[in-house]
Amino acid sequence: MDDTRDKVIALEVKVEQLSDTVERLAAAIERLTSLLDQAKGAKWAIGLMLFAGGALSSYLPTLVRWLVALR
């Protein structure tokens, strides 16, 4: 009977340790998810800046010619 009781106690300790490990892993996954969400937002911001820069650079020669013609 003592042998079974000792095994149950040992299993309870292992289950508690596994629970702690799962909680730490869940917290780490949550932090990684938030970092990926931030990176996704930065990707959109960089894309919009590239679009605005490309549009400006394509219209800049036309604007310069227009400004020179006004003189």
PDB file of N, CA and C in Angstrom:
ATOM      1  N   MET A   1       0.809  -1.187   0.000  1.00  0.00           N
ATOM      2  CA  MET A   1       0.000   0.000   0.000  1.00  0.00           C
ATOM      3  C   MET A   1       0.861   1.263   0.000  1.00  0.00           C
ATOM      4  N   ASP A   2       1.948   1.244   0.750  1.00  0.00           N
ATOM      5  CA  ASP A   2       2.834   2.407   0.813  1.00  0.00           C
ATOM      6  C   ASP A   2       3.464   2.696  -0.544  1.00  0.00           C
ATOM      7  N   ASP A   3       3.757   1.636  -1.284  1.00  0.00           N
ATOM      8  CA  ASP A   3       4.378   1.814  -2.593  1.00  0.00           C
ATOM      9  C   ASP A   3       3.440   2.577  -3.537  1.00  0.00           C
ATOM     10  N   THR A   4       2.177   2.242  -3.542  1.00  0.00           N
ATOM     11  CA  THR A   4       1.206   2.914  -4.393  1.00  0.00           C
ATOM     12  C   THR A   4       1.046   4.371  -3.974  1.00  0.00           C
ATOM     13  N   ARG A   5       1.011   4.603  -2.666  1.00  0.00           N
ATOM     14  CA  ARG A   5       0.872   5.970  -2.150  1.00  0.00           C
ATOM     15  C   ARG A   5       2.072   6.821  -2.572  1.00  0.00           C
ATOM     16  N   ASP A   6       3.260   6.270  -2.485  1.00  0.00           N
ATOM     17  CA  ASP A   6       4.467   7.001  -2.886  1.00  0.00           C
ATOM     18  C   ASP A   6       4.453   7.317  -4.378  1.00  0.00           C
ATOM     19  N   LYS A   7       3.972   6.369  -5.165  1.00  0.00           N
ATOM     20  CA  LYS A   7       3.889   6.600  -6.611  1.00  0.00           C
ATOM     21  C   LYS A   7       2.898   7.709  -6.936  1.00  0.00           C
ATOM     22  N   VAL A   8       1.768   7.734  -6.234  1.00  0.00           N
ATOM     23  CA  VAL A   8       0.772   8.773  -6.458  1.00  0.00           C
ATOM     24  C   VAL A   8       1.333  10.135  -6.070  1.00  0.00           C
ATOM     25  N   ILE A   9       2.035  10.205  -4.974  1.00  0.00           N
ATOM     26  CA  ILE A   9       2.646  11.466  -4.535  1.00  0.00           C
ATOM     27  C   ILE A   9       3.673  11.934  -5.560  1.00  0.00           C
ATOM     28  N   ALA A  10       4.487  11.019  -6.064  1.00  0.00           N
ATOM     29  CA  ALA A  10       5.490  11.368  -7.071  1.00  0.00           C
ATOM     30  C   ALA A  10       4.814  11.868  -8.347  1.00  0.00           C
ATOM     31  N   LEU A  11       3.727  11.229  -8.739  1.00  0.00           N
ATOM     32  CA  LEU A  11       3.006  11.666  -9.929  1.00  0.00           C
ATOM     33  C   LEU A  11       2.387  13.049  -9.727  1.00  0.00           C
ATOM     34  N   GLU A  12       1.884  13.322  -8.529  1.00  0.00           N
ATOM     35  CA  GLU A  12       1.324  14.646  -8.247  1.00  0.00           C
ATOM     36  C   GLU A  12       2.386  15.725  -8.389  1.00  0.00           C
ATOM     37  N   VAL A  13       3.584  15.441  -7.926  1.00  0.00           N
ATOM     38  CA  VAL A  13       4.685  16.399  -8.044  1.00  0.00           C
ATOM     39  C   VAL A  13       5.020  16.624  -9.510  1.00  0.00           C
ATOM     40  N   LYS A  14       5.076  15.558 -10.289  1.00  0.00           N
ATOM     41  CA  LYS A  14       5.385  15.695 -11.717  1.00  0.00           C
ATOM     42  C   LYS A  14       4.301  16.474 -12.453  1.00  0.00           C
ATOM     43  N   VAL A  15       3.044  16.223 -12.101  1.00  0.00           N
ATOM     44  CA  VAL A  15       1.944  16.941 -12.739  1.00  0.00           C
ATOM     45  C   VAL A  15       2.030  18.428 -12.403  1.00  0.00           C
ATOM     46  N   GLU A  16       2.349  18.750 -11.177  1.00  0.00           N
ATOM     47  CA  GLU A  16       2.493  20.158 -10.785  1.00  0.00           C
ATOM     48  C   GLU A  16       3.635  20.828 -11.550  1.00  0.00           C
ATOM     49  N   GLN A  17       4.748  20.133 -11.700  1.00  0.00           N
ATOM     50  CA  GLN A  17       5.864  20.688 -12.460  1.00  0.00           C
ATOM     51  C   GLN A  17       5.493  20.883 -13.927  1.00  0.00           C
ATOM     52  N   LEU A  18       4.770  19.928 -14.504  1.00  0.00           N
ATOM     53  CA  LEU A  18       4.334  20.055 -15.888  1.00  0.00           C
ATOM     54  C   LEU A  18       3.353  21.216 -16.053  1.00  0.00           C
ATOM     55  N   SER A  19       2.504  21.421 -15.070  1.00  0.00           N
ATOM     56  CA  SER A  19       1.567  22.543 -15.117  1.00  0.00           C
ATOM     57  C   SER A  19       2.315  23.868 -15.133  1.00  0.00           C
ATOM     58  N   ASP A  20       3.341  23.980 -14.299  1.00  0.00           N
ATOM     59  CA  ASP A  20       4.156  25.198 -14.284  1.00  0.00           C
ATOM     60  C   ASP A  20       4.848  25.413 -15.627  1.00  0.00           C
ATOM     61  N   THR A  21       5.353  24.330 -16.197  1.00  0.00           N
ATOM     62  CA  THR A  21       6.025  24.429 -17.493  1.00  0.00           C
ATOM     63  C   THR A  21       5.062  24.874 -18.577  1.00  0.00           C
ATOM     64  N   VAL A  22       3.860  24.330 -18.574  1.00  0.00           N
ATOM     65  CA  VAL A  22       2.856  24.704 -19.573  1.00  0.00           C
ATOM     66  C   VAL A  22       2.485  26.174 -19.419  1.00  0.00           C
ATOM     67  N   GLU A  23       2.347  26.655 -18.195  1.00  0.00           N
ATOM     68  CA  GLU A  23       2.024  28.065 -17.962  1.00  0.00           C
ATOM     69  C   GLU A  23       3.137  28.975 -18.480  1.00  0.00           C
ATOM     70  N   ARG A  24       4.390  28.601 -18.248  1.00  0.00           N
ATOM     71  CA  ARG A  24       5.506  29.411 -18.749  1.00  0.00           C
ATOM     72  C   ARG A  24       5.538  29.409 -20.275  1.00  0.00           C
ATOM     73  N   LEU A  25       5.284  28.254 -20.885  1.00  0.00           N
ATOM     74  CA  LEU A  25       5.265  28.178 -22.346  1.00  0.00           C
ATOM     75  C   LEU A  25       4.114  29.001 -22.926  1.00  0.00           C
ATOM     76  N   ALA A  26       2.975  28.985 -22.269  1.00  0.00           N
ATOM     77  CA  ALA A  26       1.838  29.780 -22.742  1.00  0.00           C
ATOM     78  C   ALA A  26       2.168  31.267 -22.694  1.00  0.00           C
ATOM     79  N   ALA A  27       2.844  31.707 -21.643  1.00  0.00           N
ATOM     80  CA  ALA A  27       3.240  33.112 -21.538  1.00  0.00           C
ATOM     81  C   ALA A  27       4.249  33.468 -22.637  1.00  0.00           C
ATOM     82  N   ALA A  28       5.185  32.570 -22.911  1.00  0.00           N
ATOM     83  CA  ALA A  28       6.174  32.825 -23.963  1.00  0.00           C
ATOM     84  C   ALA A  28       5.508  32.898 -25.326  1.00  0.00           C
ATOM     85  N   ILE A  29       4.546  32.036 -25.577  1.00  0.00           N
ATOM     86  CA  ILE A  29       3.830  32.059 -26.860  1.00  0.00           C
ATOM     87  C   ILE A  29       3.043  33.352 -26.998  1.00  0.00           C
ATOM     88  N   GLU A  30       2.449  33.807 -25.913  1.00  0.00           N
ATOM     89  CA  GLU A  30       1.698  35.064 -25.961  1.00  0.00           C
ATOM     90  C   GLU A  30       2.618  36.241 -26.287  1.00  0.00           C
ATOM     91  N   ARG A  31       3.818  36.259 -25.698  1.00  0.00           N
ATOM     92  CA  ARG A  31       4.780  37.329 -25.999  1.00  0.00           C
ATOM     93  C   ARG A  31       5.215  37.273 -27.459  1.00  0.00           C
ATOM     94  N   LEU A  32       5.464  36.078 -27.975  1.00  0.00           N
ATOM     95  CA  LEU A  32       5.865  35.940 -29.376  1.00  0.00           C
ATOM     96  C   LEU A  32       4.745  36.375 -30.315  1.00  0.00           C
ATOM     97  N   THR A  33       3.515  36.065 -29.958  1.00  0.00           N
ATOM     98  CA  THR A  33       2.383  36.470 -30.785  1.00  0.00           C
ATOM     99  C   THR A  33       2.272  37.987 -30.844  1.00  0.00           C
ATOM    100  N   SER A  34       2.471  38.643 -29.704  1.00  0.00           N
ATOM    101  CA  SER A  34       2.400  40.103 -29.704  1.00  0.00           C
ATOM    102  C   SER A  34       3.544  40.709 -30.521  1.00  0.00           C
ATOM    103  N   LEU A  35       4.719  40.104 -30.476  1.00  0.00           N
ATOM    104  CA  LEU A  35       5.832  40.595 -31.298  1.00  0.00           C
ATOM    105  C   LEU A  35       5.528  40.442 -32.781  1.00  0.00           C
ATOM    106  N   LEU A  36       4.926  39.329 -33.152  1.00  0.00           N
ATOM    107  CA  LEU A  36       4.577  39.131 -34.562  1.00  0.00           C
ATOM    108  C   LEU A  36       3.504  40.117 -35.017  1.00  0.00           C
ATOM    109  N   ASP A  37       2.564  40.426 -34.132  1.00  0.00           N
ATOM    110  CA  ASP A  37       1.550  41.425 -34.478  1.00  0.00           C
ATOM    111  C   ASP A  37       2.184  42.794 -34.690  1.00  0.00           C
ATOM    112  N   GLN A  38       3.164  43.141 -33.856  1.00  0.00           N
ATOM    113  CA  GLN A  38       3.861  44.415 -34.023  1.00  0.00           C
ATOM    114  C   GLN A  38       4.626  44.430 -35.339  1.00  0.00           C
ATOM    115  N   ALA A  39       5.247  43.318 -35.687  1.00  0.00           N
ATOM    116  CA  ALA A  39       6.002  43.245 -36.935  1.00  0.00           C
ATOM    117  C   ALA A  39       5.070  43.374 -38.133  1.00  0.00           C
ATOM    118  N   LYS A  40       3.868  42.828 -38.017  1.00  0.00           N
ATOM    119  CA  LYS A  40       2.904  42.929 -39.111  1.00  0.00           C
ATOM    120  C   LYS A  40       2.516  44.389 -39.321  1.00  0.00           C
ATOM    121  N   GLY A  41       2.318  45.130 -38.232  1.00  0.00           N
ATOM    122  CA  GLY A  41       2.002  46.551 -38.336  1.00  0.00           C
ATOM    123  C   GLY A  41       3.146  47.346 -38.941  1.00  0.00           C
ATOM    124  N   ALA A  42       4.365  47.008 -38.556  1.00  0.00           N
ATOM    125  CA  ALA A  42       5.528  47.701 -39.113  1.00  0.00           C
ATOM    126  C   ALA A  42       5.670  47.405 -40.599  1.00  0.00           C
ATOM    127  N   LYS A  43       5.330  46.191 -40.997  1.00  0.00           N
ATOM    128  CA  LYS A  43       5.403  45.830 -42.415  1.00  0.00           C
ATOM    129  C   LYS A  43       4.451  46.701 -43.234  1.00  0.00           C
ATOM    130  N   TRP A  44       3.250  46.914 -42.720  1.00  0.00           N
ATOM    131  CA  TRP A  44       2.298  47.772 -43.416  1.00  0.00           C
ATOM    132  C   TRP A  44       2.788  49.210 -43.479  1.00  0.00           C
ATOM    133  N   ALA A  45       3.376  49.702 -42.388  1.00  0.00           N
ATOM    134  CA  ALA A  45       3.867  51.078 -42.369  1.00  0.00           C
ATOM    135  C   ALA A  45       4.992  51.267 -43.392  1.00  0.00           C
ATOM    136  N   ILE A  46       5.902  50.304 -43.461  1.00  0.00           N
ATOM    137  CA  ILE A  46       6.997  50.393 -44.428  1.00  0.00           C
ATOM    138  C   ILE A  46       6.454  50.342 -45.853  1.00  0.00           C
ATOM    139  N   GLY A  47       5.472  49.480 -46.092  1.00  0.00           N
ATOM    140  CA  GLY A  47       4.867  49.402 -47.419  1.00  0.00           C
ATOM    141  C   GLY A  47       4.214  50.706 -47.825  1.00  0.00           C
ATOM    142  N   LEU A  48       3.504  51.347 -46.908  1.00  0.00           N
ATOM    143  CA  LEU A  48       2.872  52.635 -47.215  1.00  0.00           C
ATOM    144  C   LEU A  48       3.907  53.726 -47.480  1.00  0.00           C
ATOM    145  N   MET A  49       4.998  53.709 -46.713  1.00  0.00           N
ATOM    146  CA  MET A  49       6.061  54.703 -46.954  1.00  0.00           C
ATOM    147  C   MET A  49       6.705  54.488 -48.326  1.00  0.00           C
ATOM    148  N   LEU A  50       6.926  53.223 -48.696  1.00  0.00           N
ATOM    149  CA  LEU A  50       7.493  52.941 -50.012  1.00  0.00           C
ATOM    150  C   LEU A  50       6.545  53.373 -51.123  1.00  0.00           C
ATOM    151  N   PHE A  51       5.251  53.142 -50.940  1.00  0.00           N
ATOM    152  CA  PHE A  51       4.270  53.559 -51.932  1.00  0.00           C
ATOM    153  C   PHE A  51       4.267  55.082 -52.081  1.00  0.00           C
ATOM    154  N   ALA A  52       4.270  55.789 -50.955  1.00  0.00           N
ATOM    155  CA  ALA A  52       4.251  57.254 -51.004  1.00  0.00           C
ATOM    156  C   ALA A  52       5.537  57.786 -51.650  1.00  0.00           C
ATOM    157  N   GLY A  53       6.674  57.199 -51.329  1.00  0.00           N
ATOM    158  CA  GLY A  53       7.937  57.625 -51.928  1.00  0.00           C
ATOM    159  C   GLY A  53       7.972  57.362 -53.422  1.00  0.00           C
ATOM    160  N   GLY A  54       7.457  56.237 -53.844  1.00  0.00           N
ATOM    161  CA  GLY A  54       7.421  55.929 -55.275  1.00  0.00           C
ATOM    162  C   GLY A  54       6.497  56.861 -56.036  1.00  0.00           C
ATOM    163  N   ALA A  55       5.332  57.145 -55.451  1.00  0.00           N
ATOM    164  CA  ALA A  55       4.397  58.052 -56.108  1.00  0.00           C
ATOM    165  C   ALA A  55       4.997  59.456 -56.203  1.00  0.00           C
ATOM    166  N   LEU A  56       5.621  59.907 -55.128  1.00  0.00           N
ATOM    167  CA  LEU A  56       6.235  61.238 -55.138  1.00  0.00           C
ATOM    168  C   LEU A  56       7.366  61.319 -56.157  1.00  0.00           C
ATOM    169  N   SER A  57       8.199  60.289 -56.210  1.00  0.00           N
ATOM    170  CA  SER A  57       9.320  60.332 -57.143  1.00  0.00           C
ATOM    171  C   SER A  57       8.855  60.239 -58.599  1.00  0.00           C
ATOM    172  N   SER A  58       7.718  59.605 -58.846  1.00  0.00           N
ATOM    173  CA  SER A  58       7.244  59.529 -60.227  1.00  0.00           C
ATOM    174  C   SER A  58       6.603  60.840 -60.673  1.00  0.00           C
ATOM    175  N   TYR A  59       6.000  61.595 -59.772  1.00  0.00           N
ATOM    176  CA  TYR A  59       5.375  62.870 -60.125  1.00  0.00           C
ATOM    177  C   TYR A  59       6.304  64.067 -59.964  1.00  0.00           C
ATOM    178  N   LEU A  60       7.444  63.879 -59.329  1.00  0.00           N
ATOM    179  CA  LEU A  60       8.360  64.989 -59.071  1.00  0.00           C
ATOM    180  C   LEU A  60       8.858  65.661 -60.351  1.00  0.00           C
ATOM    181  N   PRO A  61       9.278  64.945 -61.385  1.00  0.00           N
ATOM    182  CA  PRO A  61       9.735  65.630 -62.610  1.00  0.00           C
ATOM    183  C   PRO A  61       8.633  66.492 -63.236  1.00  0.00           C
ATOM    184  N   THR A  62       7.403  66.013 -63.212  1.00  0.00           N
ATOM    185  CA  THR A  62       6.294  66.791 -63.757  1.00  0.00           C
ATOM    186  C   THR A  62       6.087  68.069 -62.947  1.00  0.00           C
ATOM    187  N   LEU A  63       6.150  67.950 -61.637  1.00  0.00           N
ATOM    188  CA  LEU A  63       5.974  69.122 -60.779  1.00  0.00           C
ATOM    189  C   LEU A  63       7.098  70.132 -60.971  1.00  0.00           C
ATOM    190  N   VAL A  64       8.329  69.646 -61.139  1.00  0.00           N
ATOM    191  CA  VAL A  64       9.466  70.547 -61.342  1.00  0.00           C
ATOM    192  C   VAL A  64       9.306  71.290 -62.664  1.00  0.00           C
ATOM    193  N   ARG A  65       8.929  70.586 -63.719  1.00  0.00           N
ATOM    194  CA  ARG A  65       8.712  71.250 -65.021  1.00  0.00           C
ATOM    195  C   ARG A  65       7.600  72.286 -64.927  1.00  0.00           C
ATOM    196  N   TRP A  66       6.567  71.975 -64.204  1.00  0.00           N
ATOM    197  CA  TRP A  66       5.437  72.889 -64.027  1.00  0.00           C
ATOM    198  C   TRP A  66       5.880  74.147 -63.268  1.00  0.00           C
ATOM    199  N   LEU A  67       6.696  73.947 -62.218  1.00  0.00           N
ATOM    200  CA  LEU A  67       7.178  75.089 -61.435  1.00  0.00           C
ATOM    201  C   LEU A  67       8.149  75.957 -62.261  1.00  0.00           C
ATOM    202  N   VAL A  68       8.984  75.329 -63.090  1.00  0.00           N
ATOM    203  CA  VAL A  68       9.912  76.073 -63.915  1.00  0.00           C
ATOM    204  C   VAL A  68       9.141  76.853 -64.990  1.00  0.00           C
ATOM    205  N   ALA A  69       8.072  76.306 -65.521  1.00  0.00           N
ATOM    206  CA  ALA A  69       7.284  76.970 -66.552  1.00  0.00           C
ATOM    207  C   ALA A  69       6.554  78.187 -66.010  1.00  0.00           C
ATOM    208  N   LEU A  70       6.280  78.203 -64.710  1.00  0.00           N
ATOM    209  CA  LEU A  70       5.588  79.352 -64.102  1.00  0.00           C
ATOM    210  C   LEU A  70       6.493  80.560 -63.961  1.00  0.00           C
ATOM    211  N   ARG A  71       7.769  80.377 -63.972  1.00  0.00           N
ATOM    212  CA  ARG A  71       8.700  81.507 -63.795  1.00  0.00           C
ATOM    213  C   ARG A  71       8.684  82.421 -64.935  1.00  0.00           C
TER     214      ARG A  71
END
